[in-house]
Protein backbone atom coordinates (compact mmCIF):
# COMPACT_ATOMS: atom_id res chain seq x y z
CA MET A 1 23.54 -8.50 52.53
CA ARG A 2 19.86 -8.38 51.95
CA SER A 3 19.47 -4.48 52.27
CA LEU A 4 21.73 -4.51 49.63
CA PHE A 5 19.96 -6.97 47.62
CA ARG A 6 16.78 -5.70 47.40
CA PRO A 7 17.88 -2.03 46.01
CA MET A 8 19.77 -3.79 43.45
CA GLY A 9 17.42 -6.15 42.43
CA GLY A 10 14.69 -3.33 41.81
CA PHE A 11 17.25 -1.11 40.04
CA PHE A 12 17.99 -4.20 37.71
CA PHE A 13 13.80 -4.93 37.29
CA GLN A 14 13.73 -1.24 36.05
CA CYS A 15 16.67 -1.35 33.63
CA ILE A 16 15.15 -4.70 32.13
CA LEU A 17 11.38 -2.87 32.19
CA ALA A 18 12.71 -0.03 30.32
CA ALA A 19 14.85 -2.09 27.64
CA VAL A 20 11.43 -4.22 27.09
CA LEU A 21 9.66 -0.70 26.72
CA MET A 22 12.14 0.63 24.15
CA VAL A 23 11.92 -2.43 22.34
CA LEU A 24 8.15 -2.02 22.11
CA VAL A 25 8.21 1.34 21.08
CA GLY A 26 10.86 0.53 18.21
CA LEU A 27 8.35 -2.13 17.16
CA ALA A 28 5.43 0.30 17.29
CA ALA A 29 7.33 2.80 15.14
CA ASP A 30 8.35 0.04 12.81
CA VAL A 31 4.47 -0.71 12.47
CA LYS A 32 3.30 2.74 11.89
CA ALA A 33 6.19 3.17 9.12
CA VAL A 34 4.23 -0.21 7.53
CA ASP A 35 0.92 1.36 8.16
CA ASP A 36 1.80 4.77 6.99
CA THR A 37 3.29 3.57 3.33
CA VAL A 38 0.32 2.92 0.81
CA ILE A 39 1.70 1.82 -2.68
CA PHE A 40 -0.30 2.26 -5.55
CA LEU A 41 0.37 0.34 -8.70
CA ASP A 42 -1.33 0.84 -12.25
CA PRO A 43 -1.73 -1.64 -15.15
CA GLY A 44 -2.00 0.36 -18.26
CA HIS A 45 -4.97 0.44 -20.60
CA GLY A 46 -7.81 -2.00 -20.04
CA GLY A 47 -11.10 -3.11 -21.35
CA GLU A 48 -11.58 -1.89 -25.07
CA ASP A 49 -8.37 0.21 -24.65
CA THR A 50 -6.07 -2.82 -25.48
CA GLY A 51 -2.70 -0.31 -25.87
CA ILE A 52 -0.16 -1.97 -28.05
CA VAL A 53 -0.92 -5.29 -29.58
CA GLY A 54 2.24 -7.01 -30.78
CA GLY A 55 2.48 -9.28 -33.89
CA GLY A 56 1.71 -12.23 -32.24
CA GLY A 57 -1.53 -10.87 -30.39
CA LEU A 58 -0.43 -10.45 -27.03
CA THR A 59 -1.97 -7.32 -25.72
CA GLU A 60 -0.10 -4.62 -23.28
CA LYS A 61 -3.13 -4.50 -21.40
CA SER A 62 -3.29 -8.16 -20.23
CA VAL A 63 1.03 -8.22 -19.61
CA CYS A 64 0.81 -4.87 -17.54
CA LEU A 65 -2.09 -6.38 -15.47
CA ASP A 66 -0.27 -9.59 -14.85
CA LEU A 67 2.94 -7.94 -14.05
CA ALA A 68 1.20 -5.42 -11.23
CA LYS A 69 -0.74 -8.40 -9.93
CA ARG A 70 2.91 -10.27 -9.66
CA LEU A 71 4.36 -7.12 -7.97
CA LYS A 72 1.62 -6.74 -5.74
CA GLN A 73 2.01 -10.27 -4.28
CA LYS A 74 5.83 -10.03 -3.76
CA ILE A 75 4.96 -6.40 -1.93
CA ASP A 76 2.13 -8.05 0.04
CA GLU A 77 4.12 -11.32 1.03
CA ARG A 78 7.81 -9.82 1.46
CA LEU A 79 7.39 -6.24 3.00
CA GLY A 80 3.82 -5.75 3.97
CA TYR A 81 3.06 -2.59 3.04
CA ARG A 82 -0.69 -1.50 1.97
CA THR A 83 -0.62 -2.08 -1.85
CA TYR A 84 -3.51 -1.38 -4.45
CA LEU A 85 -4.18 -1.64 -7.94
CA THR A 86 -6.12 0.90 -9.69
CA ARG A 87 -7.47 -1.82 -11.67
CA GLY A 88 -7.54 -5.54 -10.84
CA GLU A 89 -9.19 -6.96 -13.70
CA ASP A 90 -9.78 -6.20 -17.21
CA LYS A 91 -11.72 -2.71 -17.10
CA SER A 92 -11.35 0.51 -18.81
CA LEU A 93 -10.51 3.40 -16.35
CA SER A 94 -9.86 6.87 -17.09
CA LEU A 95 -6.66 8.65 -16.45
CA ASP A 96 -8.34 10.96 -13.74
CA GLU A 97 -10.01 8.20 -12.16
CA ARG A 98 -6.58 6.38 -11.67
CA ALA A 99 -5.06 9.76 -10.08
CA ALA A 100 -8.00 10.17 -8.08
CA LEU A 101 -7.93 6.87 -6.29
CA ALA A 102 -4.05 7.16 -5.78
CA ASN A 103 -4.86 11.04 -4.18
CA ASN A 104 -7.99 10.02 -2.17
CA HIS A 105 -6.00 6.80 -0.47
CA ARG A 106 -2.89 9.39 0.33
CA ALA A 107 -0.30 7.15 -1.72
CA THR A 108 3.10 7.26 -0.52
CA LEU A 109 3.91 6.22 -4.32
CA PHE A 110 2.82 5.64 -7.79
CA ILE A 111 4.02 3.22 -10.53
CA SER A 112 2.29 3.00 -13.73
CA ILE A 113 3.03 -0.20 -15.79
CA HIS A 114 3.16 0.00 -19.47
CA LEU A 115 5.07 -1.17 -22.40
CA GLY A 116 7.16 0.33 -25.25
CA ALA A 117 6.40 0.39 -28.80
CA PHE A 118 8.65 1.29 -31.65
CA PRO A 119 8.46 0.97 -35.44
CA ASP A 120 12.32 0.17 -35.38
CA GLN A 121 12.81 -3.48 -34.33
CA ARG A 122 16.18 -2.22 -32.99
CA TYR A 123 15.01 -0.67 -29.87
CA ARG A 124 14.71 -2.85 -26.90
CA GLY A 125 14.97 -3.06 -23.12
CA VAL A 126 13.81 -0.85 -20.36
CA GLY A 127 12.83 2.68 -20.24
CA VAL A 128 11.39 4.42 -17.26
CA PHE A 129 9.72 8.07 -17.23
CA TYR A 130 9.07 10.73 -14.45
CA PRO A 131 7.05 13.95 -14.92
CA ALA A 132 8.80 16.77 -16.31
CA GLY A 133 8.91 20.30 -14.97
CA ARG A 134 6.18 23.23 -15.85
CA PHE A 135 8.12 23.79 -19.17
CA HIS A 136 9.61 20.82 -21.09
CA GLU A 137 12.51 21.51 -23.39
CA ALA A 138 12.82 18.38 -24.97
CA ALA A 139 11.23 19.96 -28.30
CA GLY A 140 13.46 22.85 -28.45
CA ARG A 141 11.32 25.33 -26.87
CA PRO A 142 9.29 25.75 -23.52
CA GLN A 143 6.07 23.86 -23.62
CA PRO A 144 3.93 24.78 -20.46
CA LEU A 145 1.72 22.31 -18.57
CA PRO A 146 -1.52 22.82 -17.50
CA GLU A 147 -1.53 24.58 -13.63
CA TRP A 148 -2.86 21.85 -12.13
CA ASP A 149 0.53 19.92 -12.52
CA ALA A 150 1.51 22.10 -9.34
CA LEU A 151 0.51 18.71 -7.32
CA GLN A 152 3.40 16.69 -8.87
CA ALA A 153 5.87 19.69 -8.73
CA THR A 154 6.67 19.34 -5.34
CA HIS A 155 7.59 15.39 -5.78
CA ARG A 156 9.57 15.92 -9.02
CA GLU A 157 12.83 15.11 -7.49
CA THR A 158 11.46 12.19 -5.56
CA SER A 159 9.89 10.77 -8.54
CA LYS A 160 13.24 11.14 -10.70
CA ALA A 161 15.00 8.95 -7.47
CA LEU A 162 12.22 6.39 -7.73
CA ALA A 163 12.66 6.08 -11.65
CA GLY A 164 16.29 5.63 -11.40
CA LYS A 165 15.81 2.92 -8.47
CA LEU A 166 13.48 0.92 -10.64
CA HIS A 167 15.61 1.44 -13.77
CA HIS A 168 18.53 0.10 -11.76
CA ALA A 169 17.23 -3.17 -10.30
CA LEU A 170 15.62 -3.93 -14.04
CA LEU A 171 19.17 -3.40 -15.53
CA ARG A 172 20.76 -5.40 -12.87
CA ARG A 173 18.15 -8.22 -13.39
CA PHE A 174 18.69 -8.04 -17.01
CA PRO A 175 21.90 -6.77 -17.89
CA ASP A 176 21.97 -7.84 -21.45
CA GLY A 177 17.87 -6.65 -22.25
CA GLY A 178 18.96 -3.32 -23.48
CA ASP A 179 18.45 0.12 -22.01
CA LEU A 180 16.38 3.06 -23.15
CA GLY A 181 17.05 4.83 -20.29
CA VAL A 182 15.42 7.46 -17.78
CA HIS A 183 13.66 10.33 -18.70
CA ALA A 184 11.72 13.26 -17.76
CA LEU A 185 8.30 13.75 -19.99
CA PRO A 186 5.36 16.11 -19.58
CA LEU A 187 3.16 13.01 -18.48
CA TYR A 188 -0.17 14.56 -17.85
CA PRO A 189 -1.85 11.67 -15.97
CA LEU A 190 1.33 11.61 -13.37
CA ALA A 191 1.14 15.36 -13.22
CA ALA A 192 -1.91 15.21 -10.92
CA LEU A 193 -0.72 12.89 -8.55
CA ASN A 194 0.35 14.16 -5.19
CA MET A 195 2.99 11.56 -4.66
CA PRO A 196 6.40 10.54 -6.41
CA ALA A 197 5.07 8.98 -9.47
CA VAL A 198 6.57 7.32 -12.63
CA LEU A 199 5.75 5.30 -15.58
CA VAL A 200 7.74 2.36 -16.25
CA GLU A 201 8.03 0.35 -19.79
CA PRO A 202 9.96 -3.02 -19.04
CA ALA A 203 10.03 -4.26 -22.12
CA VAL A 204 9.15 -3.34 -25.72
CA LEU A 205 6.01 -5.15 -26.98
CA SER A 206 6.27 -4.18 -30.75
CA ARG A 207 9.81 -5.91 -30.77
CA ALA A 208 8.84 -9.75 -31.69
CA ALA A 209 11.63 -11.00 -29.78
CA GLU A 210 10.54 -9.27 -26.64
CA GLU A 211 6.79 -10.30 -27.38
CA GLU A 212 8.00 -13.86 -27.53
CA LYS A 213 9.62 -13.42 -24.27
CA LEU A 214 6.58 -11.60 -22.52
CA GLY A 215 4.69 -14.42 -23.36
CA SER A 216 6.85 -16.70 -20.81
CA GLU A 217 5.80 -16.84 -16.93
CA SER A 218 9.10 -16.76 -16.15
CA VAL A 219 10.14 -14.08 -17.88
CA ARG A 220 7.31 -11.94 -16.29
CA ASP A 221 8.13 -13.18 -12.69
CA ALA A 222 11.44 -11.78 -13.14
CA LEU A 223 10.42 -8.33 -14.76
CA ALA A 224 8.09 -8.18 -11.48
CA GLU A 225 10.97 -9.46 -9.14
CA GLY A 226 13.14 -6.55 -10.76
CA LEU A 227 10.43 -4.11 -10.25
CA PHE A 228 10.02 -5.11 -6.76
CA GLU A 229 13.58 -4.71 -5.87
CA GLY A 230 13.54 -1.23 -7.34
CA VAL A 231 10.36 -0.62 -4.93
CA ASP A 232 12.26 -1.79 -2.04
CA LEU A 233 15.62 0.07 -2.75
CA PHE A 234 13.65 3.27 -2.93
CA LEU A 235 11.63 2.56 -0.03
CA LYS A 236 14.70 1.79 2.22
CA ASN A 237 17.08 4.39 1.07
CA GLY A 238 14.66 7.17 -0.70
CA VAL A 239 16.23 10.45 -1.43
CA ALA A 240 19.93 11.12 0.23
CA GLY A 241 19.85 7.92 1.90
CA GLU A 242 16.49 8.63 4.25
CA ARG A 243 13.11 7.14 3.76
CA PRO A 244 10.85 9.09 1.80
């Protein structure tokens, strides 16, 4: 009986050890996936460039920075990815500098946060934009972009997918807030980025009612939560249901 017990015991131990190693390998893979994900958040404008200024004096640069900081905190605390801001304070930063920061850090994705502006007060809500192709046909005839837009060309479909996820999440959180859609535009700053990149405008600052809402801490946090949900959805599903 003892002679049978020892081999079985050894075999059982080996199975347990193998199972433990598989778990550890799986955990290591998860850690690597997190370590390899770098998110860049770009608060629009800054410094002397105030961006849009609402009728009540609220500036685009201040709201964008606040939203980016809130979003970064949510990602840091709940997802654990490495997250950077192109600017963490009220300072000016050129478009080239913003792109260089993200490219040099080999970012996984780039989200530029802005606010909308329209003369017509009827326009309201969420608009999300991703880089168009080499020829933008919205104006009725091809408009070639500079040669360096080839960097973004390989990420165009993924950028479109990221825009869709952010748009979906924000509308789900603000179903009655207005929808300005998802659009491809010849966005020159984003074209120089070697990663999926979008520009999101979660509200229209030129609309008096939206400016008033943007002054609320709870509304800003809800907007940041919507952006967070879009990022989380994109990173979990990516294109065709896979992590990008």
